[in-house]
Amino acid sequence: MEEEDGSYEEIVCTLTNDYVVEQLIISGGMVIPAIKQQLVFRLDEFPDRLLRKSKDLFLETVELLEKKLK
């Protein structure tokens, strides 16, 4: 999450049966909440995307998924 002048950007990922939906949401301060970007990945594509962005984010996501799948 990045914050600037009372507004912030947040990336929200939603897991469906076969896809991960990644949304960039901007809100806060005087900014009306809005989805500025939405990307859809197959489950087999998403781990590579996470690794390119951040290894820490990848590990955190894997831990969350493991908890959900147990």
N, C-alpha and C. Protein backbone atom coordinates (compact mmCIF):
# COMPACT_ATOMS: atom_id res chain seq x y z
N MET A 1 0.84 -1.16 0.00
CA MET A 1 0.00 0.00 0.00
C MET A 1 0.90 1.23 0.00
N GLU A 2 0.60 2.18 -0.87
CA GLU A 2 1.33 3.44 -0.93
C GLU A 2 0.39 4.57 -0.55
N GLU A 3 0.88 5.52 0.28
CA GLU A 3 0.04 6.61 0.73
C GLU A 3 0.65 7.94 0.31
N GLU A 4 -0.23 8.87 -0.13
CA GLU A 4 0.24 10.18 -0.54
C GLU A 4 -0.90 11.18 -0.36
N ASP A 5 -0.66 12.25 0.41
CA ASP A 5 -1.64 13.32 0.61
C ASP A 5 -3.00 12.80 1.08
N GLY A 6 -3.02 11.84 1.99
CA GLY A 6 -4.28 11.34 2.52
C GLY A 6 -4.96 10.31 1.64
N SER A 7 -4.49 10.12 0.44
CA SER A 7 -5.05 9.08 -0.42
C SER A 7 -4.03 7.95 -0.52
N TYR A 8 -4.49 6.78 -0.93
CA TYR A 8 -3.57 5.65 -1.02
C TYR A 8 -3.93 4.71 -2.15
N GLU A 9 -2.94 3.97 -2.59
CA GLU A 9 -3.11 2.91 -3.58
C GLU A 9 -2.98 1.58 -2.86
N GLU A 10 -3.84 0.65 -3.22
CA GLU A 10 -3.83 -0.66 -2.59
C GLU A 10 -4.06 -1.71 -3.66
N ILE A 11 -3.30 -2.79 -3.60
CA ILE A 11 -3.51 -3.90 -4.53
C ILE A 11 -4.28 -4.98 -3.79
N VAL A 12 -5.41 -5.37 -4.36
CA VAL A 12 -6.27 -6.39 -3.77
C VAL A 12 -6.33 -7.56 -4.75
N CYS A 13 -6.05 -8.76 -4.24
CA CYS A 13 -6.12 -9.96 -5.07
C CYS A 13 -7.27 -10.83 -4.60
N THR A 14 -8.05 -11.31 -5.55
CA THR A 14 -9.19 -12.17 -5.26
C THR A 14 -8.97 -13.51 -5.95
N LEU A 15 -9.12 -14.57 -5.19
CA LEU A 15 -8.94 -15.92 -5.71
C LEU A 15 -10.30 -16.51 -6.05
N THR A 16 -10.47 -16.93 -7.30
CA THR A 16 -11.68 -17.63 -7.72
C THR A 16 -11.30 -19.08 -7.98
N ASN A 17 -12.19 -19.85 -8.55
CA ASN A 17 -11.89 -21.27 -8.80
C ASN A 17 -10.65 -21.46 -9.66
N ASP A 18 -10.55 -20.73 -10.76
CA ASP A 18 -9.47 -20.95 -11.72
C ASP A 18 -8.59 -19.74 -11.98
N TYR A 19 -8.91 -18.60 -11.35
CA TYR A 19 -8.21 -17.36 -11.67
C TYR A 19 -7.90 -16.55 -10.41
N VAL A 20 -6.91 -15.65 -10.56
CA VAL A 20 -6.62 -14.65 -9.55
C VAL A 20 -6.88 -13.30 -10.21
N VAL A 21 -7.70 -12.48 -9.56
CA VAL A 21 -8.00 -11.13 -10.06
C VAL A 21 -7.21 -10.15 -9.20
N GLU A 22 -6.36 -9.36 -9.84
CA GLU A 22 -5.54 -8.36 -9.15
C GLU A 22 -6.07 -6.98 -9.51
N GLN A 23 -6.44 -6.20 -8.47
CA GLN A 23 -7.00 -4.87 -8.71
C GLN A 23 -6.17 -3.82 -8.00
N LEU A 24 -5.92 -2.71 -8.68
CA LEU A 24 -5.27 -1.55 -8.08
C LEU A 24 -6.37 -0.57 -7.73
N ILE A 25 -6.55 -0.32 -6.42
CA ILE A 25 -7.63 0.54 -5.95
C ILE A 25 -7.01 1.80 -5.34
N ILE A 26 -7.56 2.95 -5.72
CA ILE A 26 -7.12 4.23 -5.18
C ILE A 26 -8.28 4.82 -4.40
N SER A 27 -8.01 5.27 -3.15
CA SER A 27 -9.07 5.86 -2.33
C SER A 27 -8.47 6.69 -1.21
N GLY A 28 -9.34 7.28 -0.40
CA GLY A 28 -8.92 8.07 0.75
C GLY A 28 -8.84 9.54 0.44
N GLY A 29 -8.84 10.36 1.51
CA GLY A 29 -8.76 11.80 1.33
C GLY A 29 -9.90 12.31 0.46
N MET A 30 -9.57 13.12 -0.50
CA MET A 30 -10.57 13.70 -1.42
C MET A 30 -10.82 12.81 -2.63
N VAL A 31 -10.18 11.65 -2.67
CA VAL A 31 -10.28 10.76 -3.83
C VAL A 31 -11.45 9.80 -3.65
N ILE A 32 -12.33 9.75 -4.62
CA ILE A 32 -13.42 8.78 -4.63
C ILE A 32 -12.81 7.42 -4.93
N PRO A 33 -13.14 6.38 -4.13
CA PRO A 33 -12.56 5.05 -4.40
C PRO A 33 -12.80 4.62 -5.84
N ALA A 34 -11.75 4.13 -6.47
CA ALA A 34 -11.86 3.71 -7.87
C ALA A 34 -10.86 2.59 -8.16
N ILE A 35 -11.29 1.66 -9.00
CA ILE A 35 -10.39 0.62 -9.48
C ILE A 35 -9.68 1.18 -10.70
N LYS A 36 -8.37 1.38 -10.59
CA LYS A 36 -7.59 1.98 -11.67
C LYS A 36 -7.02 0.94 -12.62
N GLN A 37 -6.88 -0.29 -12.13
CA GLN A 37 -6.33 -1.34 -12.98
C GLN A 37 -6.87 -2.68 -12.49
N GLN A 38 -7.19 -3.53 -13.43
CA GLN A 38 -7.65 -4.87 -13.08
C GLN A 38 -7.02 -5.87 -14.03
N LEU A 39 -6.33 -6.86 -13.46
CA LEU A 39 -5.66 -7.88 -14.25
C LEU A 39 -6.17 -9.25 -13.81
N VAL A 40 -6.30 -10.17 -14.75
CA VAL A 40 -6.76 -11.52 -14.45
C VAL A 40 -5.68 -12.51 -14.88
N PHE A 41 -5.33 -13.42 -13.97
CA PHE A 41 -4.30 -14.42 -14.24
C PHE A 41 -4.85 -15.81 -13.98
N ARG A 42 -4.41 -16.77 -14.79
CA ARG A 42 -4.70 -18.17 -14.47
C ARG A 42 -3.90 -18.53 -13.23
N LEU A 43 -4.36 -19.53 -12.50
CA LEU A 43 -3.66 -19.92 -11.28
C LEU A 43 -2.21 -20.31 -11.54
N ASP A 44 -1.93 -20.90 -12.68
CA ASP A 44 -0.55 -21.30 -12.98
C ASP A 44 0.34 -20.12 -13.37
N GLU A 45 -0.25 -18.98 -13.75
CA GLU A 45 0.52 -17.79 -14.12
C GLU A 45 0.87 -16.91 -12.92
N PHE A 46 0.02 -16.92 -11.92
CA PHE A 46 0.14 -15.95 -10.83
C PHE A 46 1.42 -16.08 -10.00
N PRO A 47 1.89 -17.27 -9.66
CA PRO A 47 3.14 -17.35 -8.88
C PRO A 47 4.32 -16.65 -9.56
N ASP A 48 4.44 -16.76 -10.86
CA ASP A 48 5.52 -16.07 -11.58
C ASP A 48 5.39 -14.56 -11.45
N ARG A 49 4.17 -14.07 -11.53
CA ARG A 49 3.93 -12.63 -11.38
C ARG A 49 4.36 -12.16 -9.99
N LEU A 50 3.97 -12.93 -8.97
CA LEU A 50 4.35 -12.56 -7.61
C LEU A 50 5.86 -12.55 -7.42
N LEU A 51 6.52 -13.55 -7.95
CA LEU A 51 7.98 -13.60 -7.81
C LEU A 51 8.66 -12.42 -8.48
N ARG A 52 8.14 -11.99 -9.61
CA ARG A 52 8.71 -10.82 -10.30
C ARG A 52 8.50 -9.56 -9.47
N LYS A 53 7.35 -9.45 -8.80
CA LYS A 53 7.05 -8.25 -8.02
C LYS A 53 7.80 -8.22 -6.70
N SER A 54 7.72 -9.34 -5.95
CA SER A 54 8.31 -9.35 -4.62
C SER A 54 8.34 -10.77 -4.06
N LYS A 55 9.50 -11.20 -3.66
CA LYS A 55 9.61 -12.53 -3.05
C LYS A 55 8.89 -12.57 -1.71
N ASP A 56 8.94 -11.48 -0.94
CA ASP A 56 8.24 -11.43 0.35
C ASP A 56 6.73 -11.55 0.15
N LEU A 57 6.20 -10.85 -0.84
CA LEU A 57 4.78 -10.93 -1.14
C LEU A 57 4.41 -12.34 -1.58
N PHE A 58 5.27 -12.96 -2.36
CA PHE A 58 5.03 -14.34 -2.80
C PHE A 58 4.92 -15.28 -1.60
N LEU A 59 5.88 -15.20 -0.68
CA LEU A 59 5.88 -16.08 0.49
C LEU A 59 4.66 -15.84 1.37
N GLU A 60 4.28 -14.59 1.54
CA GLU A 60 3.09 -14.26 2.33
C GLU A 60 1.83 -14.84 1.69
N THR A 61 1.73 -14.73 0.39
CA THR A 61 0.57 -15.26 -0.33
C THR A 61 0.51 -16.78 -0.24
N VAL A 62 1.64 -17.43 -0.39
CA VAL A 62 1.68 -18.90 -0.28
C VAL A 62 1.22 -19.34 1.11
N GLU A 63 1.68 -18.65 2.15
CA GLU A 63 1.26 -18.99 3.51
C GLU A 63 -0.25 -18.84 3.68
N LEU A 64 -0.81 -17.76 3.17
CA LEU A 64 -2.25 -17.55 3.27
C LEU A 64 -3.02 -18.63 2.52
N LEU A 65 -2.56 -18.98 1.33
CA LEU A 65 -3.23 -20.03 0.55
C LEU A 65 -3.15 -21.38 1.25
N GLU A 66 -2.00 -21.68 1.84
CA GLU A 66 -1.86 -22.95 2.55
C GLU A 66 -2.83 -23.03 3.72
N LYS A 67 -3.01 -21.93 4.44
CA LYS A 67 -3.96 -21.90 5.55
C LYS A 67 -5.39 -22.12 5.07
N LYS A 68 -5.73 -21.50 3.95
CA LYS A 68 -7.09 -21.63 3.40
C LYS A 68 -7.37 -23.02 2.87
N LEU A 69 -6.37 -23.67 2.33
CA LEU A 69 -6.56 -24.98 1.71
C LEU A 69 -6.54 -26.13 2.71
N LYS A 70 -6.16 -25.88 3.95
CA LYS A 70 -6.11 -26.94 4.97
C LYS A 70 -7.47 -27.23 5.53
